[in-house]
Amino acid sequence: MRNSNRINRVLNLIKEIWDKNPDLRLFQLLGNPLSAEDHYYLEDDILENTLKKYYKKTEEKNDNQNNKLF
C-alpha cells in the first residue's frame, strides 16, 4: 500500500508552484517539466522531485534575469 502522506505533500507542492506561476494552466504546470517522461507510470516521488528541480531552475533563472544590471 502506498503511503497516504504523499498526497498532501504533492498537492501542497503543486499549490506552492501554482501560486508562484498563476498564468500556467494545471496541465502546463505538470506537463512542462515532464515532456519526455512516461506520465502514466510516473511514481509520485519522481513527479515531486521533477517538479521541484524544474521550478527551482525556473525560479533561479527569473531571479538572475531580474537582478541583471543594465
N, C-alpha and C. Protein backbone atom coordinates (compact mmCIF):
# COMPACT_ATOMS: atom_id res chain seq x y z
N MET A 1 0.84 -1.18 0.00
CA MET A 1 0.00 0.00 0.00
C MET A 1 0.89 1.25 0.00
N ARG A 2 0.50 2.22 -0.76
CA ARG A 2 1.26 3.47 -0.84
C ARG A 2 1.02 4.32 0.40
N ASN A 3 2.02 5.09 0.74
CA ASN A 3 1.94 5.99 1.89
C ASN A 3 0.99 7.14 1.55
N SER A 4 -0.06 7.29 2.32
CA SER A 4 -1.05 8.34 2.03
C SER A 4 -0.54 9.74 2.36
N ASN A 5 0.57 9.86 3.08
CA ASN A 5 1.14 11.18 3.38
C ASN A 5 1.61 11.89 2.12
N ARG A 6 1.90 11.12 1.07
CA ARG A 6 2.39 11.72 -0.16
C ARG A 6 1.34 12.62 -0.80
N ILE A 7 0.08 12.35 -0.57
CA ILE A 7 -0.99 13.09 -1.24
C ILE A 7 -0.93 14.57 -0.89
N ASN A 8 -0.97 14.89 0.38
CA ASN A 8 -0.91 16.30 0.79
C ASN A 8 0.43 16.93 0.45
N ARG A 9 1.50 16.14 0.55
CA ARG A 9 2.83 16.67 0.24
C ARG A 9 2.90 17.09 -1.24
N VAL A 10 2.44 16.23 -2.13
CA VAL A 10 2.49 16.53 -3.56
C VAL A 10 1.51 17.66 -3.90
N LEU A 11 0.31 17.62 -3.34
CA LEU A 11 -0.67 18.68 -3.62
C LEU A 11 -0.19 20.04 -3.09
N ASN A 12 0.44 20.05 -1.93
CA ASN A 12 0.98 21.30 -1.39
C ASN A 12 2.08 21.85 -2.28
N LEU A 13 2.92 20.97 -2.81
CA LEU A 13 3.96 21.40 -3.72
C LEU A 13 3.34 22.01 -4.98
N ILE A 14 2.34 21.34 -5.54
CA ILE A 14 1.68 21.87 -6.73
C ILE A 14 1.05 23.23 -6.43
N LYS A 15 0.42 23.37 -5.28
CA LYS A 15 -0.17 24.66 -4.90
C LYS A 15 0.90 25.74 -4.78
N GLU A 16 2.00 25.40 -4.14
CA GLU A 16 3.09 26.38 -3.98
C GLU A 16 3.62 26.84 -5.33
N ILE A 17 3.84 25.89 -6.23
CA ILE A 17 4.34 26.23 -7.57
C ILE A 17 3.30 27.03 -8.34
N TRP A 18 2.04 26.63 -8.25
CA TRP A 18 0.98 27.31 -9.00
C TRP A 18 0.77 28.73 -8.48
N ASP A 19 0.89 28.93 -7.17
CA ASP A 19 0.77 30.28 -6.61
C ASP A 19 1.85 31.21 -7.18
N LYS A 20 3.03 30.66 -7.44
CA LYS A 20 4.13 31.45 -8.00
C LYS A 20 4.02 31.60 -9.51
N ASN A 21 3.21 30.77 -10.15
CA ASN A 21 3.06 30.77 -11.61
C ASN A 21 1.58 30.74 -11.99
N PRO A 22 0.81 31.76 -11.60
CA PRO A 22 -0.64 31.71 -11.76
C PRO A 22 -1.11 31.75 -13.21
N ASP A 23 -0.24 32.13 -14.14
CA ASP A 23 -0.65 32.17 -15.54
C ASP A 23 -0.61 30.79 -16.20
N LEU A 24 0.00 29.81 -15.53
CA LEU A 24 0.04 28.46 -16.08
C LEU A 24 -1.29 27.75 -15.83
N ARG A 25 -1.69 26.97 -16.81
CA ARG A 25 -2.81 26.05 -16.59
C ARG A 25 -2.25 24.83 -15.89
N LEU A 26 -3.10 24.07 -15.22
CA LEU A 26 -2.63 22.94 -14.42
C LEU A 26 -1.81 21.96 -15.25
N PHE A 27 -2.29 21.61 -16.44
CA PHE A 27 -1.54 20.62 -17.21
C PHE A 27 -0.26 21.20 -17.82
N GLN A 28 -0.17 22.51 -17.94
CA GLN A 28 1.10 23.13 -18.31
C GLN A 28 2.07 22.98 -17.14
N LEU A 29 1.59 23.30 -15.96
CA LEU A 29 2.42 23.22 -14.76
C LEU A 29 2.99 21.81 -14.59
N LEU A 30 2.16 20.80 -14.81
CA LEU A 30 2.60 19.42 -14.65
C LEU A 30 3.35 18.91 -15.88
N GLY A 31 2.93 19.31 -17.06
CA GLY A 31 3.48 18.77 -18.28
C GLY A 31 4.79 19.36 -18.72
N ASN A 32 5.02 20.64 -18.45
CA ASN A 32 6.26 21.28 -18.90
C ASN A 32 7.51 20.53 -18.45
N PRO A 33 7.64 20.21 -17.17
CA PRO A 33 8.86 19.51 -16.76
C PRO A 33 8.87 18.03 -17.12
N LEU A 34 7.77 17.49 -17.59
CA LEU A 34 7.66 16.05 -17.83
C LEU A 34 7.53 15.71 -19.30
N SER A 35 7.89 16.59 -20.18
CA SER A 35 7.60 16.38 -21.59
C SER A 35 8.17 15.07 -22.14
N ALA A 36 9.27 14.58 -21.62
CA ALA A 36 9.87 13.36 -22.15
C ALA A 36 9.60 12.14 -21.26
N GLU A 37 8.81 12.31 -20.25
CA GLU A 37 8.57 11.22 -19.30
C GLU A 37 7.32 10.42 -19.67
N ASP A 38 7.25 9.22 -19.15
CA ASP A 38 6.05 8.40 -19.28
C ASP A 38 5.10 8.79 -18.15
N HIS A 39 4.16 9.67 -18.43
CA HIS A 39 3.30 10.26 -17.40
C HIS A 39 2.44 9.23 -16.66
N TYR A 40 1.97 8.25 -17.35
CA TYR A 40 1.01 7.33 -16.75
C TYR A 40 1.63 6.49 -15.63
N TYR A 41 2.86 6.08 -15.79
CA TYR A 41 3.51 5.21 -14.82
C TYR A 41 4.47 5.95 -13.90
N LEU A 42 4.47 7.25 -13.96
CA LEU A 42 5.39 8.06 -13.15
C LEU A 42 5.02 7.96 -11.67
N GLU A 43 5.97 7.57 -10.86
CA GLU A 43 5.72 7.48 -9.42
C GLU A 43 5.63 8.88 -8.83
N ASP A 44 4.87 9.01 -7.76
CA ASP A 44 4.63 10.31 -7.14
C ASP A 44 5.92 10.97 -6.67
N ASP A 45 6.83 10.19 -6.11
CA ASP A 45 8.07 10.79 -5.62
C ASP A 45 8.93 11.32 -6.77
N ILE A 46 8.87 10.66 -7.92
CA ILE A 46 9.60 11.15 -9.08
C ILE A 46 8.95 12.43 -9.61
N LEU A 47 7.62 12.46 -9.64
CA LEU A 47 6.91 13.68 -10.02
C LEU A 47 7.30 14.83 -9.09
N GLU A 48 7.27 14.57 -7.81
CA GLU A 48 7.60 15.60 -6.81
C GLU A 48 9.02 16.13 -7.03
N ASN A 49 9.98 15.25 -7.18
CA ASN A 49 11.37 15.67 -7.37
C ASN A 49 11.56 16.41 -8.69
N THR A 50 10.89 15.95 -9.73
CA THR A 50 11.00 16.59 -11.04
C THR A 50 10.42 17.99 -11.00
N LEU A 51 9.26 18.16 -10.37
CA LEU A 51 8.65 19.49 -10.25
C LEU A 51 9.56 20.42 -9.46
N LYS A 52 10.10 19.95 -8.36
CA LYS A 52 10.99 20.78 -7.53
C LYS A 52 12.19 21.24 -8.34
N LYS A 53 12.84 20.33 -9.03
CA LYS A 53 14.04 20.67 -9.80
C LYS A 53 13.71 21.65 -10.92
N TYR A 54 12.65 21.37 -11.66
CA TYR A 54 12.29 22.21 -12.80
C TYR A 54 11.95 23.63 -12.36
N TYR A 55 11.08 23.74 -11.36
CA TYR A 55 10.63 25.07 -10.96
C TYR A 55 11.67 25.80 -10.13
N LYS A 56 12.59 25.09 -9.51
CA LYS A 56 13.70 25.76 -8.84
C LYS A 56 14.60 26.40 -9.89
N LYS A 57 14.90 25.66 -10.98
CA LYS A 57 15.69 26.22 -12.07
C LYS A 57 14.99 27.41 -12.70
N THR A 58 13.68 27.29 -12.91
CA THR A 58 12.90 28.38 -13.50
C THR A 58 12.94 29.61 -12.60
N GLU A 59 12.81 29.40 -11.31
CA GLU A 59 12.84 30.50 -10.35
C GLU A 59 14.21 31.15 -10.32
N GLU A 60 15.27 30.35 -10.33
CA GLU A 60 16.63 30.89 -10.33
C GLU A 60 16.90 31.68 -11.60
N LYS A 61 16.42 31.18 -12.73
CA LYS A 61 16.59 31.88 -14.00
C LYS A 61 15.89 33.23 -13.95
N ASN A 62 14.66 33.25 -13.43
CA ASN A 62 13.92 34.51 -13.32
C ASN A 62 14.60 35.47 -12.36
N ASP A 63 15.13 34.96 -11.25
CA ASP A 63 15.84 35.81 -10.29
C ASP A 63 17.08 36.42 -10.93
N ASN A 64 17.81 35.62 -11.69
CA ASN A 64 19.01 36.12 -12.36
C ASN A 64 18.67 37.18 -13.39
N GLN A 65 17.59 36.99 -14.12
CA GLN A 65 17.18 37.98 -15.12
C GLN A 65 16.72 39.27 -14.45
N ASN A 66 16.06 39.16 -13.32
CA ASN A 66 15.57 40.35 -12.61
C ASN A 66 16.69 41.11 -11.93
N ASN A 67 17.81 40.45 -11.64
CA ASN A 67 18.90 41.10 -10.92
C ASN A 67 20.02 41.57 -11.83
N LYS A 68 19.83 41.45 -13.13
CA LYS A 68 20.87 41.90 -14.06
C LYS A 68 20.99 43.41 -14.01
N LEU A 69 22.23 43.89 -14.12
CA LEU A 69 22.46 45.32 -14.20
C LEU A 69 22.34 45.76 -15.65
N PHE A 70 21.73 46.90 -15.87
CA PHE A 70 21.52 47.40 -17.23
C PHE A 70 22.55 48.45 -17.56
